[in-house]
């Protein structure tokens, strides 16, 4: 029955909606105000940006500005060509705030796209967070902060997404030296895509002033 539903038009639309949401999810406010600033330098270049230490480096309003291999990623998940075109052309805005949950660092991520706005909080200490996707399938996310290979850059947020239907997926979120935020998405079959976001905190400031 599940296979028949997934093959139906309703099933395909629901899968496309769910995958668009998963791909959009990415990630912090009081911590940013008190965080110590660090310099981040690209190899062989001058200073490009100063970022807070810890998960607060992800905080802000982020607008999707580019993608790499996203169509192949969706294809490996069984999404039709029509729904892949829709997902690849969809605009996405993420608003991220850092917080603490029972003493553990956490990120609250609100994602806005054509389907609406949805918010999610995840702890970054390896504790499992249970939720459901747009189809009602069970999802368990386990997130941790890891150090950049250069040791001097902002941390990487690594997440395992255990999906009751699609299987094990992986996500990596990090800040590039040019200040862009990158989300790496790996499907159960090992296909990796990158979603590139540009900071646009002017949207938050204009909303706060209203």
Protein backbone atom coordinates (compact mmCIF):
# COMPACT_ATOMS: atom_id res chain seq x y z
CA UNK A 1 0.00 0.00 0.00
CA UNK A 2 2.86 2.37 0.83
CA UNK A 3 4.60 1.73 -2.51
CA UNK A 4 1.33 2.36 -4.37
CA UNK A 5 0.80 5.60 -2.46
CA UNK A 6 4.34 6.79 -3.16
CA UNK A 7 3.84 6.09 -6.87
CA UNK A 8 0.59 8.10 -6.94
CA UNK A 9 0.42 11.82 -7.78
CA UNK A 10 -0.45 12.66 -4.17
CA UNK A 11 2.49 10.62 -2.92
CA UNK A 12 4.91 12.25 -5.31
CA UNK A 13 3.73 15.73 -4.35
CA UNK A 14 4.06 14.89 -0.67
CA UNK A 15 7.56 13.47 -1.21
CA UNK A 16 8.64 16.56 -3.12
CA UNK A 17 7.29 18.77 -0.34
CA UNK A 18 9.06 16.72 2.31
CA UNK A 19 12.38 16.65 0.49
CA UNK A 20 12.20 20.38 -0.20
CA UNK A 21 11.71 20.92 3.54
CA UNK A 22 14.55 18.55 4.51
CA UNK A 23 16.87 20.20 2.00
CA UNK A 24 15.90 23.61 3.26
CA UNK A 25 16.50 22.82 6.88
CA UNK A 26 19.40 24.21 7.94
CA UNK A 27 19.90 26.45 11.45
CA UNK A 28 21.08 30.89 16.97
CA UNK A 29 20.08 35.01 19.78
CA UNK A 30 21.35 35.75 23.19
CA UNK A 31 24.59 33.82 22.57
CA UNK A 32 25.43 36.03 19.59
CA UNK A 33 25.34 39.16 21.72
CA UNK A 34 27.91 37.82 24.17
CA UNK A 35 30.03 35.67 21.89
CA UNK A 36 33.73 36.38 21.47
CA UNK A 37 34.65 37.34 17.91
CA UNK A 38 37.28 35.45 15.94
CA UNK A 39 38.97 36.29 12.69
CA UNK A 40 38.45 33.90 9.80
CA UNK A 41 41.00 34.04 7.01
CA UNK A 42 40.95 32.31 3.67
CA UNK A 43 44.28 30.66 2.83
CA UNK A 44 46.62 33.26 1.35
CA UNK A 45 44.05 36.04 1.64
CA UNK A 46 43.33 39.00 3.89
CA UNK A 47 40.68 39.05 6.59
CA UNK A 48 37.28 38.28 5.06
CA UNK A 49 34.94 38.16 8.05
CA UNK A 50 34.81 37.98 11.85
CA UNK A 51 32.40 35.40 13.25
CA UNK A 52 31.20 34.48 16.74
CA UNK A 53 32.56 31.38 18.42
CA UNK A 54 30.28 28.33 18.63
CA UNK A 55 26.82 27.77 17.15
CA UNK A 56 26.11 31.52 17.10
CA UNK A 57 28.16 31.70 13.89
CA UNK A 58 25.10 30.28 12.09
CA UNK A 59 22.75 32.93 13.44
CA UNK A 60 21.02 35.29 11.05
CA UNK A 61 18.71 35.44 8.07
CA UNK A 62 19.99 33.39 5.14
CA UNK A 63 18.70 33.42 1.56
CA UNK A 64 19.34 30.57 -0.86
CA UNK A 65 21.70 31.88 -3.55
CA UNK A 66 22.93 28.73 -5.30
CA UNK A 67 22.92 24.94 -5.49
CA UNK A 68 25.33 22.24 -6.61
CA UNK A 69 24.18 18.78 -7.73
CA UNK A 70 20.76 19.24 -6.11
CA UNK A 71 18.88 17.74 -9.08
CA UNK A 72 20.97 14.55 -8.91
CA UNK A 73 20.45 14.40 -5.14
CA UNK A 74 16.66 14.55 -5.57
CA UNK A 75 16.78 12.04 -8.43
CA UNK A 76 18.61 9.58 -6.16
CA UNK A 77 15.69 9.96 -3.73
CA UNK A 78 13.17 8.94 -6.38
CA UNK A 79 11.73 12.42 -7.04
CA UNK A 80 10.21 12.89 -10.51
CA UNK A 81 11.68 15.29 -13.06
CA UNK A 82 8.68 17.64 -12.70
CA UNK A 83 8.97 17.86 -8.94
CA UNK A 84 12.77 18.19 -9.15
CA UNK A 85 12.37 21.26 -11.36
CA UNK A 86 9.97 22.74 -8.83
CA UNK A 87 12.28 22.03 -5.88
CA UNK A 88 15.38 23.34 -7.68
CA UNK A 89 13.68 26.64 -8.58
CA UNK A 90 12.04 27.24 -5.19
CA UNK A 91 13.21 30.23 -3.15
CA UNK A 92 14.24 29.46 0.43
CA UNK A 93 14.93 31.72 3.43
CA UNK A 94 16.27 30.40 6.73
CA UNK A 95 16.17 32.33 10.01
CA UNK A 96 18.52 30.80 12.58
CA UNK A 97 18.93 31.51 16.28
CA UNK A 98 21.24 29.97 18.86
CA UNK A 99 19.84 28.88 22.21
CA UNK A 100 20.29 26.39 25.01
CA UNK A 101 18.10 23.40 25.89
CA UNK A 102 18.72 22.08 29.39
CA UNK A 103 22.26 23.45 29.26
CA UNK A 104 23.05 22.00 25.84
CA UNK A 105 23.72 24.23 22.78
CA UNK A 106 20.91 24.22 20.27
CA UNK A 107 19.81 25.84 17.02
CA UNK A 108 16.31 27.00 16.14
CA UNK A 109 15.77 27.08 12.37
CA UNK A 110 12.74 28.63 10.70
CA UNK A 111 12.49 27.87 6.99
CA UNK A 112 10.28 29.86 4.63
CA UNK A 113 9.49 28.73 1.09
CA UNK A 114 6.48 28.40 -1.23
CA UNK A 115 5.01 25.79 1.11
CA UNK A 116 4.94 28.21 4.05
CA UNK A 117 7.09 28.60 7.17
CA UNK A 118 8.16 25.84 9.52
CA UNK A 119 10.41 26.00 12.59
CA UNK A 120 12.48 23.28 14.21
CA UNK A 121 14.86 23.17 17.19
CA UNK A 122 17.75 20.72 17.41
CA UNK A 123 20.27 20.20 20.20
CA UNK A 124 23.95 19.95 19.24
CA UNK A 125 25.17 17.50 21.89
CA UNK A 126 24.27 14.27 20.08
CA UNK A 127 20.86 13.89 21.72
CA UNK A 128 18.25 12.44 19.33
CA UNK A 129 15.42 14.77 18.30
CA UNK A 130 12.27 13.01 17.12
CA UNK A 131 9.87 14.61 14.67
CA UNK A 132 7.74 13.82 11.61
CA UNK A 133 7.98 14.99 8.02
CA UNK A 134 5.18 16.35 5.82
CA UNK A 135 4.02 12.80 5.04
CA UNK A 136 3.83 11.80 8.69
CA UNK A 137 6.91 9.58 8.49
CA UNK A 138 9.05 9.37 11.62
CA UNK A 139 12.36 11.24 11.56
CA UNK A 140 15.16 11.14 14.13
CA UNK A 141 17.92 13.76 13.92
CA UNK A 142 21.23 13.53 15.79
CA UNK A 143 23.37 16.68 15.56
CA UNK A 144 26.85 17.55 16.83
CA UNK A 145 29.36 20.38 16.46
CA UNK A 146 32.72 19.47 14.96
CA UNK A 147 35.88 21.52 14.42
CA UNK A 148 36.97 22.74 11.02
CA UNK A 149 40.09 20.94 9.71
CA UNK A 150 41.99 24.25 9.95
CA UNK A 151 40.98 24.43 13.65
CA UNK A 152 40.71 28.24 13.47
CA UNK A 153 37.44 28.47 11.55
CA UNK A 154 33.87 28.36 12.87
CA UNK A 155 32.47 24.91 13.73
CA UNK A 156 30.71 22.45 11.45
CA UNK A 157 27.25 21.20 12.37
CA UNK A 158 26.98 17.52 11.44
CA UNK A 159 23.59 15.79 11.46
CA UNK A 160 22.43 12.23 10.87
CA UNK A 161 18.84 12.07 9.65
CA UNK A 162 17.26 8.67 10.25
CA UNK A 163 14.13 8.59 8.11
CA UNK A 164 11.67 5.73 8.58
CA UNK A 165 10.97 5.56 4.82
CA UNK A 166 14.02 6.96 3.01
CA UNK A 167 16.74 5.56 5.31
CA UNK A 168 19.88 7.27 6.61
CA UNK A 169 20.73 10.72 5.27
CA UNK A 170 23.51 13.09 6.35
CA UNK A 171 23.76 16.88 6.57
CA UNK A 172 26.74 19.17 7.16
CA UNK A 173 26.38 22.90 7.76
CA UNK A 174 29.37 25.27 7.78
CA UNK A 175 30.44 28.83 7.03
CA UNK A 176 32.84 29.43 4.13
CA UNK A 177 35.66 32.00 4.43
CA UNK A 178 33.64 34.34 2.18
CA UNK A 179 30.81 34.34 4.76
CA UNK A 180 28.37 32.11 2.85
CA UNK A 181 26.66 29.26 4.67
CA UNK A 182 26.78 25.86 3.00
CA UNK A 183 24.52 22.89 3.61
CA UNK A 184 25.85 19.58 2.32
CA UNK A 185 23.12 16.96 1.87
CA UNK A 186 23.95 13.28 1.31
CA UNK A 187 21.27 10.81 0.24
CA UNK A 188 21.11 7.16 1.37
CA UNK A 189 22.77 6.16 -1.93
CA UNK A 190 25.72 8.53 -1.32
CA UNK A 191 24.83 11.39 -3.70
CA UNK A 192 25.90 14.74 -2.20
CA UNK A 193 24.43 18.15 -2.99
CA UNK A 194 25.29 21.61 -1.68
CA UNK A 195 22.86 24.43 -0.95
CA UNK A 196 24.57 27.82 -0.63
CA UNK A 197 23.01 30.61 1.46
CA UNK A 198 23.91 34.31 1.64
CA UNK A 199 23.43 36.29 4.85
CA UNK A 200 20.65 38.90 4.65
CA UNK A 201 20.17 40.22 8.19
CA UNK A 202 18.56 43.36 6.78
CA UNK A 203 15.29 41.39 6.59
CA UNK A 204 15.43 40.68 10.34
CA UNK A 205 16.31 44.29 11.21
CA UNK A 206 13.48 45.71 9.10
CA UNK A 207 10.99 43.28 10.69
CA UNK A 208 12.17 44.13 14.19
CA UNK A 209 11.76 47.86 13.59
CA UNK A 210 8.10 47.54 12.57
